[in-house]
Amino acid sequence: MPIQTQSNIDIASSLEDKDSETFNLNWDNLTQTVKKYNKIMNTMTNGVNLHSLHWSTSLGTGEASSTGIVTGSVWTMKSSVIGLLCNKLINQCQPFIAVNPNFGQEEFQTRLSCMVSIKLGKAIRTILKVSRISREKI
C-alpha cells in the first residue's frame, strides 16, 4: 500500500485547538458505549458451542521486511480474536489458525470456516435481551 503524507498539516497546532473537557466527555461516552456493547456480547455468546474453527491467511507485500511485520501483526490480531472466542464460547475443538507469508508477491487471502450451535429457545431469549439492552439510554 502506498502511504501518502501531507507536509502542510501542522499536527501540534491541531492538537492545541482541542479542548481537554471535550476529550473527557467523549472518553466517558466511549467507555459507557463499550460497557453497553460488552454486556450485549456477553449475552449473545453465553451458551454458544464452538464445534470447529479453521482460519488460514496468506499474505504478502512484495518486500520481505514489510511482509514480516505485517505477518506478525496478523498473528497478533488472530491470536487475540481466537483467545476471546475461546474464552466466551463453549469450546469443543482445538482451533486451527495459520498465517502464511508470501515474500515474493503482493497478496491477501483469508479463509474462515467454523461451526457453532445454539439452541433455538436460547437464541430467541438472547434476541429479546439484546433488543432490550440496545434500547437502554447511555
C-alpha atoms as a PDB file:
ATOM      1  CA  MET A   1       0.000   0.000   0.000  1.00  0.00           C
ATOM      2  CA  PRO A   2       1.429   3.388  -0.863  1.00  0.00           C
ATOM      3  CA  ILE A   3       1.478   5.771   2.085  1.00  0.00           C
ATOM      4  CA  GLN A   4       0.603   9.350   1.306  1.00  0.00           C
ATOM      5  CA  THR A   5       1.822  12.123   3.558  1.00  0.00           C
ATOM      6  CA  GLN A   6       0.893  15.755   3.727  1.00  0.00           C
ATOM      7  CA  SER A   7       3.625  18.058   4.934  1.00  0.00           C
ATOM      8  CA  ASN A   8       1.415  21.144   5.136  1.00  0.00           C
ATOM      9  CA  ILE A   9      -0.554  19.856   8.158  1.00  0.00           C
ATOM     10  CA  ASP A  10       0.789  21.114  11.450  1.00  0.00           C
ATOM     11  CA  ILE A  11      -0.033  18.406  13.982  1.00  0.00           C
ATOM     12  CA  ALA A  12       0.976  20.449  17.010  1.00  0.00           C
ATOM     13  CA  SER A  13      -1.384  23.312  16.167  1.00  0.00           C
ATOM     14  CA  SER A  14      -4.269  20.924  15.528  1.00  0.00           C
ATOM     15  CA  LEU A  15      -3.710  19.273  18.926  1.00  0.00           C
ATOM     16  CA  GLU A  16      -3.616  22.636  20.706  1.00  0.00           C
ATOM     17  CA  ASP A  17      -7.050  23.502  19.324  1.00  0.00           C
ATOM     18  CA  LYS A  18      -8.683  20.551  21.112  1.00  0.00           C
ATOM     19  CA  ASP A  19     -10.281  21.258  24.442  1.00  0.00           C
ATOM     20  CA  SER A  20      -9.474  18.796  27.250  1.00  0.00           C
ATOM     21  CA  GLU A  21     -13.056  18.927  28.558  1.00  0.00           C
ATOM     22  CA  THR A  22     -14.405  17.808  25.188  1.00  0.00           C
ATOM     23  CA  PHE A  23     -11.935  14.933  25.199  1.00  0.00           C
ATOM     24  CA  ASN A  24     -13.013  13.866  28.694  1.00  0.00           C
ATOM     25  CA  LEU A  25     -16.706  13.961  27.722  1.00  0.00           C
ATOM     26  CA  ASN A  26     -16.032  11.910  24.604  1.00  0.00           C
ATOM     27  CA  TRP A  27     -13.944   9.429  26.618  1.00  0.00           C
ATOM     28  CA  ASP A  28     -16.728   8.938  29.166  1.00  0.00           C
ATOM     29  CA  ASN A  29     -19.254   8.412  26.368  1.00  0.00           C
ATOM     30  CA  LEU A  30     -16.928   5.907  24.702  1.00  0.00           C
ATOM     31  CA  THR A  31     -16.400   3.890  27.884  1.00  0.00           C
ATOM     32  CA  GLN A  32     -20.152   3.753  28.554  1.00  0.00           C
ATOM     33  CA  THR A  33     -20.793   2.590  24.993  1.00  0.00           C
ATOM     34  CA  VAL A  34     -18.104  -0.111  25.263  1.00  0.00           C
ATOM     35  CA  LYS A  35     -19.604  -1.367  28.543  1.00  0.00           C
ATOM     36  CA  LYS A  36     -23.055  -1.499  26.940  1.00  0.00           C
ATOM     37  CA  TYR A  37     -21.873  -3.480  23.918  1.00  0.00           C
ATOM     38  CA  ASN A  38     -19.742  -5.746  26.122  1.00  0.00           C
ATOM     39  CA  LYS A  39     -22.928  -6.631  28.009  1.00  0.00           C
ATOM     40  CA  ILE A  40     -24.651  -7.367  24.676  1.00  0.00           C
ATOM     41  CA  MET A  41     -21.747  -9.568  23.504  1.00  0.00           C
ATOM     42  CA  ASN A  42     -21.722 -11.489  26.776  1.00  0.00           C
ATOM     43  CA  THR A  43     -25.456 -12.101  26.422  1.00  0.00           C
ATOM     44  CA  MET A  44     -25.091 -13.234  22.804  1.00  0.00           C
ATOM     45  CA  THR A  45     -22.153 -15.594  23.342  1.00  0.00           C
ATOM     46  CA  ASN A  46     -23.340 -17.218  26.568  1.00  0.00           C
ATOM     47  CA  GLY A  47     -24.078 -20.898  25.838  1.00  0.00           C
ATOM     48  CA  VAL A  48     -22.896 -20.967  22.216  1.00  0.00           C
ATOM     49  CA  ASN A  49     -20.946 -24.141  21.364  1.00  0.00           C
ATOM     50  CA  LEU A  50     -17.919 -23.903  19.074  1.00  0.00           C
ATOM     51  CA  HIS A  51     -17.524 -27.215  17.231  1.00  0.00           C
ATOM     52  CA  SER A  52     -14.814 -26.386  14.699  1.00  0.00           C
ATOM     53  CA  LEU A  53     -12.698 -23.388  13.721  1.00  0.00           C
ATOM     54  CA  HIS A  54     -10.215 -23.205  10.849  1.00  0.00           C
ATOM     55  CA  TRP A  55      -8.765 -19.799   9.888  1.00  0.00           C
ATOM     56  CA  SER A  56      -5.896 -19.542   7.427  1.00  0.00           C
ATOM     57  CA  THR A  57      -4.413 -16.442   5.840  1.00  0.00           C
ATOM     58  CA  SER A  58      -1.861 -15.977   3.099  1.00  0.00           C
ATOM     59  CA  LEU A  59      -0.368 -12.526   2.644  1.00  0.00           C
ATOM     60  CA  GLY A  60       2.497 -10.662   1.082  1.00  0.00           C
ATOM     61  CA  THR A  61       3.514  -7.072   0.402  1.00  0.00           C
ATOM     62  CA  GLY A  62       6.184  -7.666  -2.202  1.00  0.00           C
ATOM     63  CA  GLU A  63       9.017  -6.768   0.208  1.00  0.00           C
ATOM     64  CA  ALA A  64      10.372  -9.228   2.744  1.00  0.00           C
ATOM     65  CA  SER A  65      10.760  -6.755   5.613  1.00  0.00           C
ATOM     66  CA  SER A  66       7.256  -5.336   5.449  1.00  0.00           C
ATOM     67  CA  THR A  67       5.794  -8.822   4.842  1.00  0.00           C
ATOM     68  CA  GLY A  68       7.410  -9.981   8.104  1.00  0.00           C
ATOM     69  CA  ILE A  69       5.990  -7.034  10.032  1.00  0.00           C
ATOM     70  CA  VAL A  70       2.503  -7.496   8.600  1.00  0.00           C
ATOM     71  CA  THR A  71       2.639 -11.253   9.224  1.00  0.00           C
ATOM     72  CA  GLY A  72       3.494 -10.669  12.881  1.00  0.00           C
ATOM     73  CA  SER A  73       0.671  -8.142  13.202  1.00  0.00           C
ATOM     74  CA  VAL A  74      -1.824 -10.559  11.657  1.00  0.00           C
ATOM     75  CA  TRP A  75      -0.663 -13.333  14.029  1.00  0.00           C
ATOM     76  CA  THR A  76      -1.236 -10.977  16.967  1.00  0.00           C
ATOM     77  CA  MET A  77      -4.702  -9.972  15.778  1.00  0.00           C
ATOM     78  CA  LYS A  78      -5.791 -13.532  15.032  1.00  0.00           C
ATOM     79  CA  SER A  79      -4.470 -14.859  18.347  1.00  0.00           C
ATOM     80  CA  SER A  80      -6.378 -12.167  20.234  1.00  0.00           C
ATOM     81  CA  VAL A  81      -9.620 -12.922  18.391  1.00  0.00           C
ATOM     82  CA  ILE A  82      -9.248 -16.688  18.881  1.00  0.00           C
ATOM     83  CA  GLY A  83      -8.432 -16.201  22.567  1.00  0.00           C
ATOM     84  CA  LEU A  84     -11.516 -14.031  23.023  1.00  0.00           C
ATOM     85  CA  LEU A  85     -13.722 -16.553  21.216  1.00  0.00           C
ATOM     86  CA  CYS A  86     -12.379 -19.498  23.198  1.00  0.00           C
ATOM     87  CA  ASN A  87     -12.919 -17.552  26.417  1.00  0.00           C
ATOM     88  CA  LYS A  88     -16.511 -16.542  25.618  1.00  0.00           C
ATOM     89  CA  LEU A  89     -17.808 -19.674  23.842  1.00  0.00           C
ATOM     90  CA  ILE A  90     -18.089 -23.284  24.988  1.00  0.00           C
ATOM     91  CA  ASN A  91     -15.057 -24.662  23.190  1.00  0.00           C
ATOM     92  CA  GLN A  92     -15.395 -28.253  21.932  1.00  0.00           C
ATOM     93  CA  CYS A  93     -12.481 -28.236  19.494  1.00  0.00           C
ATOM     94  CA  GLN A  94      -8.880 -27.212  19.050  1.00  0.00           C
ATOM     95  CA  PRO A  95      -8.930 -24.060  16.862  1.00  0.00           C
ATOM     96  CA  PHE A  96      -6.578 -24.045  13.880  1.00  0.00           C
ATOM     97  CA  ILE A  97      -5.023 -20.763  12.768  1.00  0.00           C
ATOM     98  CA  ALA A  98      -2.302 -20.233  10.191  1.00  0.00           C
ATOM     99  CA  VAL A  99      -0.580 -17.236   8.636  1.00  0.00           C
ATOM    100  CA  ASN A 100       1.494 -17.995   5.545  1.00  0.00           C
ATOM    101  CA  PRO A 101       3.791 -15.188   4.381  1.00  0.00           C
ATOM    102  CA  ASN A 102       4.378 -14.819   0.653  1.00  0.00           C
ATOM    103  CA  PHE A 103       7.566 -12.778   0.384  1.00  0.00           C
ATOM    104  CA  GLY A 104       7.600 -12.507  -3.418  1.00  0.00           C
ATOM    105  CA  GLN A 105       4.118 -11.211  -4.245  1.00  0.00           C
ATOM    106  CA  GLU A 106       1.528  -8.711  -3.155  1.00  0.00           C
ATOM    107  CA  GLU A 107      -1.486 -10.705  -1.998  1.00  0.00           C
ATOM    108  CA  PHE A 108      -4.015 -11.135   0.757  1.00  0.00           C
ATOM    109  CA  GLN A 109      -6.219 -14.203   1.086  1.00  0.00           C
ATOM    110  CA  THR A 110      -8.056 -15.426   4.121  1.00  0.00           C
ATOM    111  CA  ARG A 111     -10.325 -18.391   4.678  1.00  0.00           C
ATOM    112  CA  LEU A 112     -12.500 -18.792   7.750  1.00  0.00           C
ATOM    113  CA  SER A 113     -14.525 -21.907   8.384  1.00  0.00           C
ATOM    114  CA  CYS A 114     -16.339 -22.525  11.642  1.00  0.00           C
ATOM    115  CA  MET A 115     -19.290 -24.412  13.053  1.00  0.00           C
ATOM    116  CA  VAL A 116     -21.263 -23.199  16.053  1.00  0.00           C
ATOM    117  CA  SER A 117     -24.508 -24.361  17.592  1.00  0.00           C
ATOM    118  CA  ILE A 118     -27.087 -22.683  19.763  1.00  0.00           C
ATOM    119  CA  LYS A 119     -30.475 -23.879  20.965  1.00  0.00           C
ATOM    120  CA  LEU A 120     -33.470 -22.186  19.315  1.00  0.00           C
ATOM    121  CA  GLY A 121     -35.113 -21.141  22.590  1.00  0.00           C
ATOM    122  CA  LYS A 122     -31.842 -19.655  23.781  1.00  0.00           C
ATOM    123  CA  ALA A 123     -31.457 -17.747  20.507  1.00  0.00           C
ATOM    124  CA  ILE A 124     -34.936 -16.207  20.869  1.00  0.00           C
ATOM    125  CA  ARG A 125     -34.306 -15.290  24.508  1.00  0.00           C
ATOM    126  CA  THR A 126     -30.945 -13.755  23.571  1.00  0.00           C
ATOM    127  CA  ILE A 127     -32.504 -11.665  20.788  1.00  0.00           C
ATOM    128  CA  LEU A 128     -35.068 -10.311  23.251  1.00  0.00           C
ATOM    129  CA  LYS A 129     -32.358  -9.459  25.794  1.00  0.00           C
ATOM    130  CA  VAL A 130     -30.193  -7.775  23.161  1.00  0.00           C
ATOM    131  CA  SER A 131     -33.103  -5.673  21.912  1.00  0.00           C
ATOM    132  CA  ARG A 132     -33.902  -4.607  25.488  1.00  0.00           C
ATOM    133  CA  ILE A 133     -30.251  -3.720  26.219  1.00  0.00           C
ATOM    134  CA  SER A 134     -29.824  -1.813  22.953  1.00  0.00           C
ATOM    135  CA  ARG A 135     -32.864   0.372  23.744  1.00  0.00           C
ATOM    136  CA  GLU A 136     -31.369   1.475  27.076  1.00  0.00           C
ATOM    137  CA  LYS A 137     -30.036   5.015  27.115  1.00  0.00           C
ATOM    138  CA  ILE A 138     -26.331   5.509  27.606  1.00  0.00           C
END
